[in-house]
Protein backbone atom coordinates (compact mmCIF):
# COMPACT_ATOMS: atom_id res chain seq x y z
CA MET A 1 34.17 -41.02 -0.27
CA ASN A 2 35.06 -39.32 -3.23
CA VAL A 3 33.22 -36.19 -3.72
CA TRP A 4 33.37 -35.73 -7.15
CA SER A 5 32.25 -38.69 -8.32
CA VAL A 6 29.25 -38.43 -5.90
CA LEU A 7 28.48 -35.26 -7.64
CA GLY A 8 29.07 -36.90 -10.97
CA MET A 9 31.98 -34.40 -12.21
CA THR A 10 35.50 -34.48 -12.22
CA ALA A 11 37.75 -32.37 -10.21
CA SER A 12 37.25 -28.40 -10.51
CA ARG A 13 38.20 -25.02 -9.25
CA ASP A 14 34.68 -23.68 -10.98
CA GLU A 15 32.00 -23.07 -8.23
CA ARG A 16 29.54 -22.41 -10.47
CA ALA A 17 29.94 -25.92 -12.00
CA ILE A 18 30.03 -27.54 -8.95
CA LYS A 19 26.74 -25.62 -7.92
CA ARG A 20 25.43 -26.93 -11.63
CA ALA A 21 26.28 -30.45 -10.69
CA TYR A 22 24.95 -29.82 -7.22
CA ALA A 23 21.62 -28.84 -8.65
CA ALA A 24 21.67 -31.62 -11.15
CA ARG A 25 21.87 -34.54 -8.62
CA LEU A 26 19.38 -32.94 -6.38
CA LYS A 27 17.05 -33.79 -8.94
CA VAL A 28 17.08 -37.35 -7.84
CA THR A 29 18.20 -36.97 -4.37
CA ARG A 30 15.39 -35.28 -2.00
CA PRO A 31 16.14 -35.13 1.84
CA GLU A 32 12.57 -36.26 1.96
CA ASP A 33 12.51 -39.42 0.02
CA ASP A 34 16.29 -40.16 1.18
CA PRO A 35 17.83 -38.59 3.89
CA ALA A 36 20.71 -40.29 3.76
CA ALA A 37 21.84 -40.32 0.57
CA PHE A 38 21.00 -36.24 0.37
CA GLN A 39 23.28 -35.87 3.56
CA ILE A 40 26.31 -37.64 1.47
CA LEU A 41 25.43 -35.92 -1.27
CA ASN A 42 25.65 -32.32 0.38
CA ASP A 43 28.61 -33.24 2.22
CA ALA A 44 30.49 -34.14 -0.82
CA TYR A 45 29.13 -30.64 -2.20
CA GLN A 46 30.23 -28.31 0.98
CA ALA A 47 33.38 -30.50 0.52
CA ALA A 48 33.76 -29.71 -3.15
CA LEU A 49 33.33 -26.07 -2.64
CA GLN A 50 36.06 -25.87 0.19
CA LEU A 51 38.76 -28.09 -2.09
CA ALA A 52 37.63 -25.15 -5.27
CA ARG A 53 38.70 -22.27 -2.72
CA GLN A 54 42.13 -24.00 -1.57
CA ALA A 55 41.92 -24.48 -5.39
CA ASN A 56 41.94 -21.03 -6.06
CA ASP A 57 43.53 -19.54 -3.27
CA LEU A 58 46.86 -21.75 -3.68
CA ASP A 59 46.97 -21.79 -7.57
CA TRP A 60 46.15 -25.46 -7.37
CA PRO A 61 45.17 -26.79 -11.13
CA ASP A 62 41.65 -27.90 -12.03
CA GLU A 63 42.89 -31.78 -12.24
CA ALA A 64 45.31 -31.72 -9.14
CA PRO A 65 43.50 -30.92 -5.96
CA ALA A 66 45.46 -30.62 -2.21
CA PRO A 67 46.08 -34.43 -1.65
CA ARG A 68 43.28 -36.28 0.31
CA SER A 69 45.35 -36.70 2.89
CA GLU A 70 46.64 -33.36 3.25
CA VAL A 71 43.25 -32.00 3.47
CA ARG A 72 42.05 -34.49 5.86
CA GLU A 73 45.10 -33.96 8.19
CA ASP A 74 43.81 -30.54 8.32
CA ALA A 75 40.65 -31.18 8.77
CA ARG A 76 41.15 -33.61 12.02
CA GLU A 77 43.61 -30.56 13.31
CA ASP A 78 40.72 -27.93 13.14
CA ALA A 79 38.32 -30.42 14.43
CA ARG A 80 40.94 -30.99 17.61
CA GLU A 81 41.89 -27.58 17.96
CA ARG A 82 37.69 -26.63 18.00
CA ALA A 83 37.05 -29.52 20.41
CA TYR A 84 39.69 -28.86 23.14
CA GLN A 85 40.03 -24.66 23.15
CA PRO A 86 38.54 -23.65 26.32
CA TYR A 87 35.66 -21.56 26.43
CA GLU A 88 36.29 -17.84 27.08
CA PRO A 89 33.30 -15.87 27.39
CA PRO A 90 33.44 -12.58 25.74
CA VAL A 91 34.52 -9.37 27.75
CA TYR A 92 32.21 -6.14 27.24
CA VAL A 93 33.84 -2.74 28.47
CA ALA A 94 31.69 0.52 28.55
CA ALA A 95 34.05 3.48 28.29
CA TYR A 96 32.87 6.65 29.78
CA GLU A 97 34.14 10.46 29.34
CA PHE A 98 34.94 12.25 32.38
CA ASP A 99 32.94 15.29 33.20
CA PRO A 100 33.74 17.17 36.35
CA ASP A 101 30.62 19.13 36.50
CA SER A 102 27.98 15.94 36.44
CA PRO A 103 27.08 14.65 40.08
CA VAL A 104 28.39 11.20 41.13
CA TYR A 105 25.78 8.49 42.32
CA THR A 106 25.93 5.69 44.46
CA ALA A 107 23.66 2.86 43.95
CA TYR A 108 23.47 0.33 47.29
CA TYR A 109 22.47 -3.45 46.43
CA GLU A 110 23.10 -4.42 49.87
CA PHE A 111 21.90 -3.11 53.07
CA ASP A 112 24.52 -0.44 54.91
CA PRO A 113 23.53 0.43 58.31
CA ASP A 114 25.68 3.76 58.26
CA ALA A 115 23.46 4.82 54.95
CA PRO A 116 20.98 7.45 56.15
CA PRO A 117 17.56 6.17 55.78
CA PRO A 118 15.73 7.83 53.29
CA GLU A 119 12.73 10.17 52.69
CA ALA A 120 9.75 9.39 52.39
CA ALA A 121 8.35 10.10 48.88
CA ALA A 122 5.64 12.34 48.40
CA PRO A 123 1.94 11.03 46.80
CA ALA A 124 2.42 10.92 43.09
CA PRO A 125 -0.05 13.06 41.77
CA PRO A 126 -3.40 11.60 40.26
CA PHE A 127 -2.68 10.35 36.47
CA GLU A 128 -4.41 12.58 34.16
CA PRO A 129 -4.23 11.61 30.14
CA PRO A 130 -2.37 14.30 27.88
CA ALA A 131 -4.86 15.96 25.79
CA PRO A 132 -5.23 14.54 22.15
CA PRO A 133 -3.35 16.49 19.54
CA PRO A 134 -5.83 19.01 17.14
CA LYS A 135 -6.40 17.18 13.77
CA PRO A 136 -5.28 19.16 11.10
CA VAL A 137 -7.79 20.98 8.82
CA GLN A 138 -7.28 18.39 6.14
CA TYR A 139 -7.02 15.15 8.30
CA ARG A 140 -7.09 11.98 6.52
CA LEU A 141 -6.34 8.18 7.55
CA PRO A 142 -3.26 6.56 6.06
CA GLU A 143 -4.14 4.30 3.11
CA ILE A 144 -3.37 1.02 4.36
CA VAL A 145 -1.33 -1.46 2.32
CA PRO A 146 -1.10 -5.17 2.71
CA PRO A 147 2.48 -6.71 3.22
CA PRO A 148 2.48 -9.15 0.27
CA LEU A 149 2.40 -12.72 1.33
CA PRO A 150 5.51 -14.66 2.45
CA GLY A 151 7.42 -15.59 -0.25
CA THR A 152 5.43 -13.62 -2.76
CA GLY A 153 7.44 -10.27 -2.90
CA PRO A 154 8.81 -8.86 -5.68
CA GLU A 155 12.32 -10.39 -5.38
CA SER A 156 11.32 -13.80 -3.79
CA ALA A 157 11.89 -16.93 -5.59
CA ILE A 158 8.55 -17.86 -7.12
CA MET A 159 8.62 -14.27 -8.90
CA GLN A 160 11.92 -14.74 -10.26
CA ALA A 161 11.54 -18.00 -11.58
CA ARG A 162 8.23 -16.62 -13.30
CA ARG A 163 10.19 -13.53 -14.98
CA ILE A 164 12.59 -16.43 -15.98
CA TRP A 165 9.72 -18.89 -17.54
CA ALA A 166 8.17 -15.77 -19.24
CA ALA A 167 11.46 -14.80 -21.21
CA PHE A 168 12.11 -18.61 -21.72
CA LEU A 169 8.36 -19.30 -23.41
CA SER A 170 8.94 -16.12 -25.64
CA ARG A 171 11.49 -17.81 -27.72
CA ALA A 172 11.42 -21.59 -26.91
CA HIS A 173 8.90 -22.71 -29.04
CA ARG A 174 11.24 -23.16 -31.90
CA SER A 175 13.51 -25.31 -30.54
CA PRO A 176 12.97 -26.04 -26.74
CA ARG A 177 15.56 -28.70 -26.41
CA GLU A 178 18.51 -26.30 -27.40
CA HIS A 179 16.72 -23.45 -25.65
CA LEU A 180 16.57 -25.66 -22.61
CA ALA A 181 20.63 -26.67 -22.89
CA GLN A 182 21.04 -22.77 -22.63
CA LEU A 183 19.24 -21.84 -19.66
CA PHE A 184 20.53 -24.09 -17.77
CA ALA A 185 23.93 -23.85 -18.62
CA GLY A 186 23.85 -20.30 -17.65
CA ASP A 187 23.60 -18.57 -13.63
CA GLU A 188 19.80 -17.93 -13.87
CA LEU A 189 18.69 -21.12 -12.31
CA LEU A 190 21.64 -22.04 -10.03
CA ASN A 191 19.10 -20.93 -6.95
CA ILE A 192 17.60 -24.71 -6.19
CA GLU A 193 14.24 -22.73 -5.17
CA VAL A 194 14.14 -20.33 -8.23
CA ARG A 195 14.69 -23.60 -10.54
CA ASP A 196 12.12 -26.11 -9.02
CA HIS A 197 9.63 -22.91 -9.05
CA PHE A 198 10.57 -22.87 -13.48
CA GLU A 199 9.45 -26.47 -12.87
CA GLU A 200 6.46 -25.94 -11.66
CA CYS A 201 5.67 -23.10 -14.07
CA ALA A 202 6.68 -25.58 -16.63
CA VAL A 203 4.24 -28.73 -15.07
CA GLN A 204 1.44 -25.89 -15.38
CA TYR A 205 1.61 -25.07 -19.10
CA CYS A 206 2.42 -28.50 -20.11
CA ALA A 207 -0.86 -29.49 -18.51
CA GLY A 208 -2.79 -27.01 -20.70
CA GLU A 209 -4.43 -28.14 -24.26
CA GLY A 210 -2.79 -25.68 -25.92
CA CYS A 211 1.02 -26.94 -25.35
CA GLU A 212 2.47 -28.54 -28.68
CA ASP A 213 3.15 -32.01 -28.49
CA ASP A 214 6.83 -31.13 -28.97
CA PHE A 215 7.41 -28.91 -26.82
CA ARG A 216 6.12 -31.17 -23.90
CA GLU A 217 8.00 -34.02 -25.10
CA ALA A 218 11.12 -31.78 -24.77
CA MET A 219 10.36 -30.42 -21.17
CA ALA A 220 9.56 -34.27 -19.81
CA THR A 221 12.55 -35.51 -21.17
CA HIS A 222 14.60 -32.71 -19.21
CA PHE A 223 12.68 -32.92 -16.37
CA ASN A 224 12.32 -36.77 -16.48
CA TRP A 225 8.67 -36.50 -15.58
CA VAL A 226 7.96 -39.89 -16.86
CA ASP A 227 10.16 -41.68 -14.59
CA ASP A 228 9.85 -39.54 -11.66
CA ALA A 229 7.35 -36.79 -11.11
CA SER A 230 6.98 -37.38 -7.16
CA PHE A 231 8.28 -33.84 -6.17
CA VAL A 232 6.14 -31.85 -8.27
CA GLY A 233 3.46 -34.29 -7.63
CA ARG A 234 3.39 -33.44 -4.08
CA HIS A 235 2.89 -29.85 -4.54
CA MET A 236 0.25 -29.89 -7.77
CA PRO A 237 -1.01 -32.94 -8.11
CA ASP A 238 -3.76 -31.86 -10.65
CA GLU A 239 -1.62 -30.49 -12.80
CA THR A 240 0.97 -33.30 -12.71
CA GLY A 241 -1.39 -35.38 -13.44
CA MET A 242 -3.34 -33.84 -16.46
CA MET A 243 0.46 -33.02 -17.89
CA LEU A 244 1.33 -37.27 -17.60
CA ALA A 245 -1.87 -37.91 -19.19
CA ARG A 246 -1.82 -35.57 -22.14
CA LEU A 247 1.94 -36.98 -22.27
CA ARG A 248 1.09 -40.61 -22.26
CA ALA A 249 -1.71 -39.96 -25.01
CA GLN A 250 0.32 -37.99 -27.60
CA ARG A 251 3.11 -40.75 -27.30
CA SER A 252 0.71 -43.66 -27.72
CA TYR A 253 -0.75 -41.94 -30.55
CA ALA A 254 3.29 -41.29 -31.86
CA HIS A 255 3.35 -45.56 -31.42
CA PHE A 256 -0.11 -46.20 -33.66
CA CYS A 257 0.54 -43.65 -36.25
CA GLN A 258 3.68 -46.07 -36.63
CA LEU A 259 1.48 -48.94 -36.90
CA ALA A 260 -0.85 -47.73 -39.42
CA LEU A 261 1.59 -47.67 -42.44
CA GLU A 262 0.97 -51.13 -42.30
CA ASP A 263 -1.82 -51.78 -40.65
CA GLU A 264 -5.00 -51.01 -41.93
CA VAL A 265 -7.05 -51.87 -39.23
CA VAL A 266 -5.08 -49.29 -37.32
CA ARG A 267 -5.25 -46.94 -39.78
CA ALA A 268 -9.08 -46.97 -40.74
CA LEU A 269 -9.57 -46.14 -36.92
CA LEU A 270 -7.47 -43.27 -36.62
CA ASP A 271 -8.65 -41.44 -39.70
CA GLY A 272 -11.12 -43.72 -41.32
CA ASP A 273 -14.48 -43.03 -41.58
CA PRO A 274 -16.67 -46.03 -41.43
CA ARG A 275 -19.01 -45.12 -44.07
CA GLY A 276 -16.11 -45.02 -46.45
CA VAL A 277 -14.62 -48.22 -46.05
CA ILE A 278 -17.02 -50.61 -44.35
CA GLY A 279 -18.15 -51.60 -48.21
CA ARG A 280 -13.98 -52.67 -48.67
CA TYR A 281 -13.79 -54.48 -45.66
CA PRO A 282 -16.60 -56.84 -45.58
CA ASP A 283 -15.08 -59.91 -44.19
CA ALA A 284 -15.23 -61.00 -40.46
CA ALA A 285 -11.92 -61.01 -40.17
CA PHE A 286 -11.56 -57.30 -40.10
CA THR A 287 -14.14 -56.94 -38.11
CA GLU A 288 -12.72 -59.35 -35.11
CA ARG A 289 -9.10 -57.66 -35.58
CA MET A 290 -11.62 -54.15 -35.02
CA ARG A 291 -12.92 -55.34 -32.23
CA GLU A 292 -9.59 -56.62 -30.84
CA LEU A 293 -7.91 -53.07 -31.26
CA LEU A 294 -10.74 -51.16 -29.85
CA GLU A 295 -10.49 -53.48 -26.29
CA HIS A 296 -6.67 -53.20 -26.23
CA ILE A 297 -6.63 -49.58 -26.60
CA HIS A 298 -9.85 -49.37 -23.85
CA CYS A 299 -7.74 -51.44 -21.66
CA TYR A 300 -3.96 -49.76 -22.15
CA HIS A 301 -4.49 -46.62 -23.96
CA GLY A 302 -7.11 -44.87 -22.14
CA GLU A 303 -5.53 -41.81 -22.33
CA MET A 304 -5.23 -41.55 -26.13
CA LEU A 305 -8.74 -42.64 -26.51
CA ASP A 306 -9.79 -39.85 -24.69
CA LEU A 307 -7.22 -36.93 -25.54
CA LYS A 308 -6.11 -38.03 -28.99
CA LEU A 309 -8.74 -39.86 -31.17
CA ASP A 310 -12.06 -38.94 -32.27
CA ALA A 311 -15.02 -39.92 -30.24
CA HIS A 312 -17.18 -39.90 -32.90
CA ILE A 313 -15.28 -42.08 -35.57
CA VAL A 314 -14.59 -44.76 -32.03
CA GLU A 315 -18.37 -44.68 -31.48
CA HIS A 316 -19.29 -45.48 -34.89
CA TRP A 317 -16.55 -48.34 -35.11
CA VAL A 318 -17.73 -49.35 -31.95
CA ALA A 319 -21.15 -49.79 -33.31
CA VAL A 320 -20.11 -51.98 -36.55
CA VAL A 321 -18.16 -54.81 -34.90
CA ARG A 322 -20.94 -54.99 -32.34
CA GLY A 323 -23.28 -55.96 -35.67
CA ARG A 324 -25.13 -52.67 -35.13
CA GLY A 325 -24.09 -51.16 -38.49
CA TRP A 326 -23.50 -47.94 -39.64
CA SER A 327 -26.23 -45.23 -38.12
CA ALA A 328 -25.59 -41.42 -39.78
């Protein structure tokens, strides 16, 4: 197995580059989806880190790491030594300083017939609970501060991801693709858990109505949500469903805007008021094509119909093709 081809990179001694490559491959190789592929990826990642550290220690060049045969032989020798090394229990030594004034006590763990019989112990006095300490003059119960929920402290992965997302969002709307590339090329998202929470923040934002189409498209392209949104779909299904619906709606709308440049029927549906165009298209052919277009959109572009088109105009075009005419 070539560890560098599994990670999708060339041989390198840069550990940060190896971690970034591993993080990129983890996006499509999840342990819960394909355990065998994830095990291969993890083995390659650990082996790459070991080769990089050896390269840094021995000053090997980046493109010529240690020969695989030598690495394998050293690994086999280490494994044989670990396998056949006898187990030696640890030895605990307690050191005491000699004190000539302290008495010497002897403990009898077995019955000794020569030892004198122990004296009868006096009965223990009845138990009396200690008296409570007096309350101070200004006695107050301390304020009870509930501990933070697991994984929500100020240094937790989710809080780090939210801070990174807030800083990214404040500057990324002008050129989101460029800022995404800069962010993922740095060190802030090398932690896989922080990166996953950052992606969840992006899904939640892109599911909202106020997110711009170009920004949503850039995020979807970077995280490959259209082809594989299983990870975020398991953690936040409602937000993922709405985000994908808005993404499909904007892509369908962009496609129909291109068609409208050459098709008068599509152009009339997207931005035409029926009261202004009915007189110019009285023929049955136009009405029939409009009916087919509306049926096609209802069947295959429901998200665009719900989220992008003017419902008032669509409703009246439906009335026109059904023969009921225009009703103000």
